[in-house]
Amino acid sequence: MLVAKPPQLKQPQLGVSLVESMIALLIISIGLLGIAALQVTSISQNASALHHSQAVMMAYNMADRIRANNAQFKLYANINTDNGYVDPDCITKSCLNTEIVTADAAHWTDMVNNLPAGRGTISYNANAIDGLLIAVMWDDGSSSAAGGGAGSTPCPDVNLSCYLVVLTQ
């Protein structure tokens, strides 16, 4: 006589299959790559913001120098940091007001040269009587550079970012 065996219940799976593990690993890897890309973008944007802040400070520094030597206001026009000014050392000796303009240009050139591809210009503002445009330009490495400007176009290189200050006498 045959004895019928009772039906056996399937035992539940007690682990994780290799396929499920690989899918979980893929999802975690994609998330970590996204976090790494976000970190790289954050570092780049912080550097760009630093350069912009420095350019603002440099433009206003020159504006303050011009205000301090206001009698020579018009002599500050046509300053270009590409010209390479020699500092007449007005700190240790007495200088004429015209020499102070050269000293200011030399000090400003040293500051602007700290920016990547840094350049500074001062030109007459065609939109204001007795006005100057102070421009600080730099390469922030992005394609969204804001070159160009008003009047005599003090930011001629559209590949450079530019910060402008309008100063009137």
Protein backbone atom coordinates (compact mmCIF):
# COMPACT_ATOMS: atom_id res chain seq x y z
CA MET A 1 0.00 0.00 0.00
CA LEU A 2 1.13 3.43 -0.89
CA VAL A 3 1.35 5.96 1.79
CA ALA A 4 0.57 9.50 0.66
CA LYS A 5 3.02 12.03 1.82
CA PRO A 6 1.58 15.27 3.09
CA PRO A 7 2.17 18.19 0.70
CA GLN A 8 5.25 20.12 1.63
CA LEU A 9 5.08 23.88 1.79
CA LYS A 10 7.73 25.84 -0.06
CA GLN A 11 10.16 27.46 2.26
CA PRO A 12 10.35 31.27 1.89
CA GLN A 13 13.54 32.73 0.44
CA LEU A 14 15.89 33.76 3.19
CA GLY A 15 18.33 36.03 1.37
CA VAL A 16 18.83 38.48 -1.42
CA SER A 17 19.51 37.34 -4.90
CA LEU A 18 22.54 38.49 -6.83
CA VAL A 19 20.38 40.44 -9.31
CA GLU A 20 18.72 42.45 -6.54
CA SER A 21 22.13 43.24 -5.05
CA MET A 22 23.48 44.44 -8.37
CA ILE A 23 20.47 46.69 -9.00
CA ALA A 24 20.82 48.25 -5.53
CA LEU A 25 24.54 48.82 -6.15
CA LEU A 26 23.78 50.48 -9.51
CA ILE A 27 21.25 52.86 -7.93
CA ILE A 28 23.66 53.81 -5.15
CA SER A 29 26.48 54.35 -7.68
CA ILE A 30 24.36 56.70 -9.79
CA GLY A 31 23.46 58.69 -6.67
CA LEU A 32 27.11 58.99 -5.63
CA LEU A 33 28.11 60.15 -9.11
CA GLY A 34 25.42 62.82 -8.93
CA ILE A 35 26.73 63.99 -5.56
CA ALA A 36 30.30 64.15 -6.95
CA ALA A 37 29.16 66.21 -9.95
CA LEU A 38 27.30 68.56 -7.62
CA GLN A 39 30.45 69.01 -5.52
CA VAL A 40 32.55 69.88 -8.59
CA THR A 41 29.96 72.43 -9.74
CA SER A 42 29.82 73.93 -6.26
CA ILE A 43 33.60 74.41 -6.14
CA SER A 44 33.59 76.04 -9.58
CA GLN A 45 30.77 78.42 -8.67
CA ASN A 46 32.48 79.36 -5.39
CA ALA A 47 35.65 80.29 -7.30
CA SER A 48 33.61 82.38 -9.73
CA ALA A 49 31.87 84.17 -6.85
CA LEU A 50 35.24 84.85 -5.20
CA HIS A 51 36.62 86.42 -8.39
CA HIS A 52 33.49 88.54 -8.78
CA SER A 53 33.75 89.77 -5.18
CA GLN A 54 37.42 90.62 -5.69
CA ALA A 55 36.62 92.51 -8.91
CA VAL A 56 33.96 94.56 -7.10
CA MET A 57 36.43 95.39 -4.33
CA MET A 58 39.12 96.38 -6.86
CA ALA A 59 36.77 98.62 -8.85
CA TYR A 60 35.61 100.44 -5.73
CA ASN A 61 39.19 100.66 -4.47
CA MET A 62 40.13 102.59 -7.60
CA ALA A 63 36.99 104.74 -7.29
CA ASP A 64 38.08 105.66 -3.76
CA ARG A 65 41.59 106.50 -4.99
CA ILE A 66 40.12 108.80 -7.66
CA ARG A 67 37.89 110.52 -5.09
CA ALA A 68 40.90 111.02 -2.80
CA ASN A 69 42.81 112.75 -5.63
CA ASN A 70 39.78 114.50 -7.14
CA ALA A 71 41.83 117.46 -8.39
CA GLN A 72 43.36 115.12 -10.98
CA PHE A 73 40.04 113.43 -11.88
CA LYS A 74 40.50 113.67 -15.65
CA LEU A 75 44.04 112.25 -15.55
CA TYR A 76 42.63 108.90 -14.47
CA ALA A 77 40.91 108.45 -17.84
CA ASN A 78 42.64 106.06 -20.24
CA ILE A 79 44.32 104.02 -17.51
CA ASN A 80 44.78 100.48 -18.75
CA THR A 81 46.46 97.83 -16.61
CA ASP A 82 48.01 96.34 -19.76
CA ASN A 83 50.28 99.42 -19.98
CA GLY A 84 52.54 98.40 -17.07
CA TYR A 85 52.87 101.41 -14.76
CA VAL A 86 55.96 102.02 -12.62
CA ASP A 87 55.24 102.96 -9.03
CA PRO A 88 56.94 106.29 -8.18
CA ASP A 89 56.98 105.20 -4.49
CA CYS A 90 54.74 107.90 -3.08
CA ILE A 91 54.62 106.10 0.26
CA THR A 92 58.22 106.90 1.26
CA LYS A 93 58.60 110.21 -0.58
CA SER A 94 56.49 113.21 -1.38
CA CYS A 95 54.80 113.07 -4.78
CA LEU A 96 52.96 115.52 -6.98
CA ASN A 97 49.26 114.90 -7.61
CA THR A 98 50.07 113.72 -11.14
CA GLU A 99 52.55 111.18 -9.75
CA ILE A 100 49.85 109.94 -7.38
CA VAL A 101 47.78 109.06 -10.45
CA THR A 102 50.66 106.91 -11.73
CA ALA A 103 51.12 105.33 -8.29
CA ASP A 104 47.39 104.55 -8.10
CA ALA A 105 47.53 102.97 -11.56
CA ALA A 106 50.55 100.85 -10.57
CA HIS A 107 48.93 99.64 -7.34
CA TRP A 108 45.65 98.91 -9.14
CA THR A 109 47.53 96.98 -11.83
CA ASP A 110 49.13 94.80 -9.14
CA MET A 111 45.70 94.08 -7.64
CA VAL A 112 43.92 93.35 -10.92
CA ASN A 113 46.70 91.04 -12.08
CA ASN A 114 45.75 88.68 -9.22
CA LEU A 115 42.54 87.80 -11.06
CA PRO A 116 42.71 85.09 -13.73
CA ALA A 117 43.45 86.96 -16.98
CA GLY A 118 42.74 90.12 -14.97
CA ARG A 119 42.55 93.46 -16.71
CA GLY A 120 41.36 96.91 -15.69
CA THR A 121 40.52 100.03 -17.66
CA ILE A 122 39.29 103.50 -16.88
CA SER A 123 37.68 105.51 -19.66
CA TYR A 124 35.42 108.49 -20.13
CA ASN A 125 31.74 107.75 -19.70
CA ALA A 126 30.00 108.94 -22.85
CA ASN A 127 26.66 108.97 -21.00
CA ALA A 128 27.68 111.34 -18.22
CA ILE A 129 29.38 114.73 -18.15
CA ASP A 130 32.64 114.51 -16.22
CA GLY A 131 32.17 110.81 -15.66
CA LEU A 132 34.52 107.85 -15.71
CA LEU A 133 33.83 104.16 -16.28
CA ILE A 134 35.98 101.86 -14.18
CA ALA A 135 36.03 98.32 -15.56
CA VAL A 136 37.57 95.23 -14.04
CA MET A 137 37.65 92.17 -16.31
CA TRP A 138 38.60 88.59 -15.60
CA ASP A 139 38.21 85.08 -16.96
CA ASP A 140 35.83 83.10 -14.78
CA GLY A 141 36.02 80.08 -17.07
CA SER A 142 32.35 80.07 -17.99
CA SER A 143 30.68 80.69 -21.30
CA SER A 144 28.30 83.17 -19.70
CA ALA A 145 30.80 86.03 -19.64
CA ALA A 146 29.29 89.48 -19.50
CA GLY A 147 31.63 91.49 -21.70
CA GLY A 148 30.71 94.78 -23.24
CA GLY A 149 29.54 97.97 -21.67
CA ALA A 150 28.19 101.46 -22.17
CA GLY A 151 29.84 104.41 -23.83
CA SER A 152 33.29 103.68 -25.20
CA THR A 153 32.91 99.93 -24.53
CA PRO A 154 35.42 99.49 -21.68
CA CYS A 155 34.91 95.72 -21.79
CA PRO A 156 35.99 94.92 -25.33
CA ASP A 157 36.67 91.23 -24.79
CA VAL A 158 33.38 89.34 -24.75
CA ASN A 159 35.23 86.29 -23.40
CA LEU A 160 35.89 88.01 -20.09
CA SER A 161 33.49 88.74 -17.26
CA CYS A 162 33.30 92.42 -16.46
CA TYR A 163 32.34 94.60 -13.50
CA LEU A 164 31.71 98.30 -14.15
CA VAL A 165 31.58 101.29 -11.82
CA VAL A 166 30.39 104.68 -13.05
CA LEU A 167 32.06 107.54 -11.24
CA THR A 168 31.11 111.20 -11.64
CA GLN A 169 33.07 114.17 -10.43
